[in-house]
Amino acid sequence: MNTYDEFPAEFWQGVEQFNAGAFYDCHDTLEAIWLECYGTEKKFYQGILQIAVACYHLSHLNWRGCAILLGEGMSRLSQYPADYAGIEVEALIDRSAEMLTLVQQAGDSGEVAVHQVAQAYGLVAGSPIPSGIERSLPYINRVSI
């Protein structure tokens, strides 16, 4: 199973939740199908799920959890073609890698730096984003047909 039409509606619901920044909800949605999956898609679902949880961790300033799960998620997704399941897997990995680099640098610099990275990604409510460092969260784009 690897064509766009063959993926369950819950997968696309998880993609929508991910792209809306509802990372905890995305985790719940994708975990439900991941736990029931035994095929090729199992690691694919898990990779996306891990990147969602990484973003959730960063929103709570848990840079270690974010870094670990970004690395694991990217590793799992790297086993799939760049356009697997009708999404731009390579673009998701690239944005996640950018985030991982910033999170690791911030973690080495301390709590204030981690907070600034979370702000730059728009993950910390109530704080203005510092000028010049706004970032794009990992996003799941569909492949153009």
C-alpha atoms as a PDB file:
ATOM      1  CA  MET A   1       0.000   0.000   0.000  1.00  0.00           C
ATOM      2  CA  ASN A   2       1.668   3.226  -1.087  1.00  0.00           C
ATOM      3  CA  THR A   3      -0.721   5.225  -3.212  1.00  0.00           C
ATOM      4  CA  TYR A   4      -2.521   8.296  -1.983  1.00  0.00           C
ATOM      5  CA  ASP A   5      -5.988   6.727  -2.187  1.00  0.00           C
ATOM      6  CA  GLU A   6      -5.023   3.655  -0.173  1.00  0.00           C
ATOM      7  CA  PHE A   7      -4.180   5.475   3.053  1.00  0.00           C
ATOM      8  CA  PRO A   8      -6.941   5.560   5.678  1.00  0.00           C
ATOM      9  CA  ALA A   9      -8.952   8.693   6.371  1.00  0.00           C
ATOM     10  CA  GLU A  10      -7.431   8.780   9.869  1.00  0.00           C
ATOM     11  CA  PHE A  11      -3.988   9.280   8.330  1.00  0.00           C
ATOM     12  CA  TRP A  12      -5.187  12.359   6.467  1.00  0.00           C
ATOM     13  CA  GLN A  13      -6.910  13.569   9.631  1.00  0.00           C
ATOM     14  CA  GLY A  14      -3.546  13.254  11.420  1.00  0.00           C
ATOM     15  CA  VAL A  15      -1.870  15.204   8.598  1.00  0.00           C
ATOM     16  CA  GLU A  16      -4.438  17.991   8.977  1.00  0.00           C
ATOM     17  CA  GLN A  17      -3.912  18.052  12.750  1.00  0.00           C
ATOM     18  CA  PHE A  18      -0.132  18.156  12.271  1.00  0.00           C
ATOM     19  CA  ASN A  19      -0.372  21.056   9.824  1.00  0.00           C
ATOM     20  CA  ALA A  20      -2.737  22.929  12.147  1.00  0.00           C
ATOM     21  CA  GLY A  21      -0.208  22.640  14.979  1.00  0.00           C
ATOM     22  CA  ALA A  22      -2.440  20.264  16.958  1.00  0.00           C
ATOM     23  CA  PHE A  23       0.508  17.996  17.643  1.00  0.00           C
ATOM     24  CA  TYR A  24      -0.950  16.160  20.619  1.00  0.00           C
ATOM     25  CA  ASP A  25      -4.129  15.377  18.683  1.00  0.00           C
ATOM     26  CA  CYS A  26      -2.037  14.267  15.708  1.00  0.00           C
ATOM     27  CA  HIS A  27      -0.155  11.917  18.015  1.00  0.00           C
ATOM     28  CA  ASP A  28      -3.388  10.361  19.251  1.00  0.00           C
ATOM     29  CA  THR A  29      -4.800   9.966  15.746  1.00  0.00           C
ATOM     30  CA  LEU A  30      -1.676   8.474  14.187  1.00  0.00           C
ATOM     31  CA  GLU A  31      -0.890   6.293  17.181  1.00  0.00           C
ATOM     32  CA  ALA A  32      -4.271   4.590  16.826  1.00  0.00           C
ATOM     33  CA  ILE A  33      -3.529   3.524  13.243  1.00  0.00           C
ATOM     34  CA  TRP A  34       0.165   2.858  13.952  1.00  0.00           C
ATOM     35  CA  LEU A  35      -0.690   0.374  16.703  1.00  0.00           C
ATOM     36  CA  GLU A  36      -2.936  -1.577  14.318  1.00  0.00           C
ATOM     37  CA  CYS A  37      -0.544  -1.487  11.360  1.00  0.00           C
ATOM     38  CA  TYR A  38       1.807  -4.343  10.482  1.00  0.00           C
ATOM     39  CA  GLY A  39       2.890  -3.393   6.961  1.00  0.00           C
ATOM     40  CA  THR A  40       5.288  -1.046   5.267  1.00  0.00           C
ATOM     41  CA  GLU A  41       3.464   1.986   6.617  1.00  0.00           C
ATOM     42  CA  LYS A  42       4.116   1.213  10.308  1.00  0.00           C
ATOM     43  CA  LYS A  43       7.475   3.046  10.399  1.00  0.00           C
ATOM     44  CA  PHE A  44       6.079   5.775   8.159  1.00  0.00           C
ATOM     45  CA  TYR A  45       3.261   6.550  10.582  1.00  0.00           C
ATOM     46  CA  GLN A  46       5.688   6.340  13.486  1.00  0.00           C
ATOM     47  CA  GLY A  47       8.106   8.786  11.856  1.00  0.00           C
ATOM     48  CA  ILE A  48       5.429  11.429  11.385  1.00  0.00           C
ATOM     49  CA  LEU A  49       4.068  10.737  14.854  1.00  0.00           C
ATOM     50  CA  GLN A  50       7.541  11.255  16.365  1.00  0.00           C
ATOM     51  CA  ILE A  51       8.030  14.588  14.598  1.00  0.00           C
ATOM     52  CA  ALA A  52       4.624  15.720  15.879  1.00  0.00           C
ATOM     53  CA  VAL A  53       5.585  14.777  19.439  1.00  0.00           C
ATOM     54  CA  ALA A  54       8.933  16.548  18.980  1.00  0.00           C
ATOM     55  CA  CYS A  55       7.072  19.767  18.152  1.00  0.00           C
ATOM     56  CA  TYR A  56       4.863  19.227  21.196  1.00  0.00           C
ATOM     57  CA  HIS A  57       7.975  18.799  23.375  1.00  0.00           C
ATOM     58  CA  LEU A  58       9.471  22.027  22.030  1.00  0.00           C
ATOM     59  CA  SER A  59       6.239  23.862  22.836  1.00  0.00           C
ATOM     60  CA  HIS A  60       6.848  22.773  26.449  1.00  0.00           C
ATOM     61  CA  LEU A  61      10.544  23.736  26.247  1.00  0.00           C
ATOM     62  CA  ASN A  62      11.676  20.106  26.496  1.00  0.00           C
ATOM     63  CA  TRP A  63      14.558  20.432  24.062  1.00  0.00           C
ATOM     64  CA  ARG A  64      16.022  16.991  24.795  1.00  0.00           C
ATOM     65  CA  GLY A  65      12.739  15.205  24.072  1.00  0.00           C
ATOM     66  CA  CYS A  66      12.326  17.321  20.953  1.00  0.00           C
ATOM     67  CA  ALA A  67      15.839  16.543  19.687  1.00  0.00           C
ATOM     68  CA  ILE A  68      15.570  12.808  20.324  1.00  0.00           C
ATOM     69  CA  LEU A  69      12.192  12.448  18.633  1.00  0.00           C
ATOM     70  CA  LEU A  70      13.124  14.644  15.668  1.00  0.00           C
ATOM     71  CA  GLY A  71      16.160  12.447  15.050  1.00  0.00           C
ATOM     72  CA  GLU A  72      14.184   9.227  15.372  1.00  0.00           C
ATOM     73  CA  GLY A  73      11.333  10.489  13.202  1.00  0.00           C
ATOM     74  CA  MET A  74      13.661  11.706  10.453  1.00  0.00           C
ATOM     75  CA  SER A  75      15.546   8.413  10.544  1.00  0.00           C
ATOM     76  CA  ARG A  76      12.352   6.431  10.027  1.00  0.00           C
ATOM     77  CA  LEU A  77      11.068   8.694   7.257  1.00  0.00           C
ATOM     78  CA  SER A  78      14.398   8.639   5.417  1.00  0.00           C
ATOM     79  CA  GLN A  79      13.651   5.012   4.505  1.00  0.00           C
ATOM     80  CA  TYR A  80      10.810   6.148   2.222  1.00  0.00           C
ATOM     81  CA  PRO A  81      10.819   7.755  -1.234  1.00  0.00           C
ATOM     82  CA  ALA A  82      10.763  11.567  -1.372  1.00  0.00           C
ATOM     83  CA  ASP A  83       7.098  11.566  -2.393  1.00  0.00           C
ATOM     84  CA  TYR A  84       5.748   8.566  -0.486  1.00  0.00           C
ATOM     85  CA  ALA A  85       2.005   8.411   0.243  1.00  0.00           C
ATOM     86  CA  GLY A  86       1.367  11.522  -1.806  1.00  0.00           C
ATOM     87  CA  ILE A  87       3.282  13.790   0.563  1.00  0.00           C
ATOM     88  CA  GLU A  88       6.627  15.534   0.255  1.00  0.00           C
ATOM     89  CA  VAL A  89       8.600  13.365   2.674  1.00  0.00           C
ATOM     90  CA  GLU A  90      11.940  14.949   1.777  1.00  0.00           C
ATOM     91  CA  ALA A  91      10.638  18.455   2.540  1.00  0.00           C
ATOM     92  CA  LEU A  92       9.328  17.288   5.928  1.00  0.00           C
ATOM     93  CA  ILE A  93      12.726  15.780   6.736  1.00  0.00           C
ATOM     94  CA  ASP A  94      14.540  18.959   5.621  1.00  0.00           C
ATOM     95  CA  ARG A  95      12.418  21.245   7.826  1.00  0.00           C
ATOM     96  CA  SER A  96      12.767  18.835  10.720  1.00  0.00           C
ATOM     97  CA  ALA A  97      16.556  18.775  10.275  1.00  0.00           C
ATOM     98  CA  GLU A  98      16.652  22.581  10.381  1.00  0.00           C
ATOM     99  CA  MET A  99      14.639  22.526  13.589  1.00  0.00           C
ATOM    100  CA  LEU A 100      16.879  19.837  15.077  1.00  0.00           C
ATOM    101  CA  THR A 101      20.003  21.920  14.442  1.00  0.00           C
ATOM    102  CA  LEU A 102      18.485  24.971  16.142  1.00  0.00           C
ATOM    103  CA  VAL A 103      17.141  22.950  19.062  1.00  0.00           C
ATOM    104  CA  GLN A 104      20.507  21.291  19.676  1.00  0.00           C
ATOM    105  CA  GLN A 105      22.321  24.645  19.552  1.00  0.00           C
ATOM    106  CA  ALA A 106      19.787  26.175  21.924  1.00  0.00           C
ATOM    107  CA  GLY A 107      19.990  23.243  24.322  1.00  0.00           C
ATOM    108  CA  ASP A 108      23.717  23.759  24.593  1.00  0.00           C
ATOM    109  CA  SER A 109      23.145  27.466  25.309  1.00  0.00           C
ATOM    110  CA  GLY A 110      20.520  27.163  28.029  1.00  0.00           C
ATOM    111  CA  GLU A 111      16.872  27.659  28.866  1.00  0.00           C
ATOM    112  CA  VAL A 112      16.582  31.189  27.476  1.00  0.00           C
ATOM    113  CA  ALA A 113      17.874  30.035  24.085  1.00  0.00           C
ATOM    114  CA  VAL A 114      15.428  27.096  24.037  1.00  0.00           C
ATOM    115  CA  HIS A 115      12.587  29.510  24.810  1.00  0.00           C
ATOM    116  CA  GLN A 116      13.720  31.749  21.930  1.00  0.00           C
ATOM    117  CA  VAL A 117      13.725  28.818  19.493  1.00  0.00           C
ATOM    118  CA  ALA A 118      10.234  27.805  20.630  1.00  0.00           C
ATOM    119  CA  GLN A 119       9.170  31.452  20.144  1.00  0.00           C
ATOM    120  CA  ALA A 120      10.743  31.551  16.685  1.00  0.00           C
ATOM    121  CA  TYR A 121       8.588  28.574  15.689  1.00  0.00           C
ATOM    122  CA  GLY A 122       5.483  30.153  17.209  1.00  0.00           C
ATOM    123  CA  LEU A 123       5.169  27.397  19.801  1.00  0.00           C
ATOM    124  CA  VAL A 124       5.182  29.532  22.943  1.00  0.00           C
ATOM    125  CA  ALA A 125       1.932  31.392  23.483  1.00  0.00           C
ATOM    126  CA  GLY A 126       1.876  34.916  24.803  1.00  0.00           C
ATOM    127  CA  SER A 127       5.373  35.843  23.668  1.00  0.00           C
ATOM    128  CA  PRO A 128       6.165  37.959  20.640  1.00  0.00           C
ATOM    129  CA  ILE A 129       8.388  36.303  18.069  1.00  0.00           C
ATOM    130  CA  PRO A 130      11.812  37.979  18.141  1.00  0.00           C
ATOM    131  CA  SER A 131      12.442  39.953  14.951  1.00  0.00           C
ATOM    132  CA  GLY A 132      14.461  38.232  12.270  1.00  0.00           C
ATOM    133  CA  ILE A 133      14.366  34.680  13.613  1.00  0.00           C
ATOM    134  CA  GLU A 134      10.887  33.501  12.630  1.00  0.00           C
ATOM    135  CA  ARG A 135      10.957  29.895  11.418  1.00  0.00           C
ATOM    136  CA  SER A 136       8.628  27.575   9.592  1.00  0.00           C
ATOM    137  CA  LEU A 137       7.467  24.542  11.515  1.00  0.00           C
ATOM    138  CA  PRO A 138       7.790  21.162   9.841  1.00  0.00           C
ATOM    139  CA  TYR A 139       4.772  20.892   7.571  1.00  0.00           C
ATOM    140  CA  ILE A 140       3.345  18.007   5.587  1.00  0.00           C
ATOM    141  CA  ASN A 141       2.856  19.092   1.977  1.00  0.00           C
ATOM    142  CA  ARG A 142       0.989  16.960  -0.521  1.00  0.00           C
ATOM    143  CA  VAL A 143       2.809  16.147  -3.718  1.00  0.00           C
ATOM    144  CA  SER A 144       1.700  18.257  -6.666  1.00  0.00           C
ATOM    145  CA  ILE A 145       0.088  16.200  -9.395  1.00  0.00           C
END
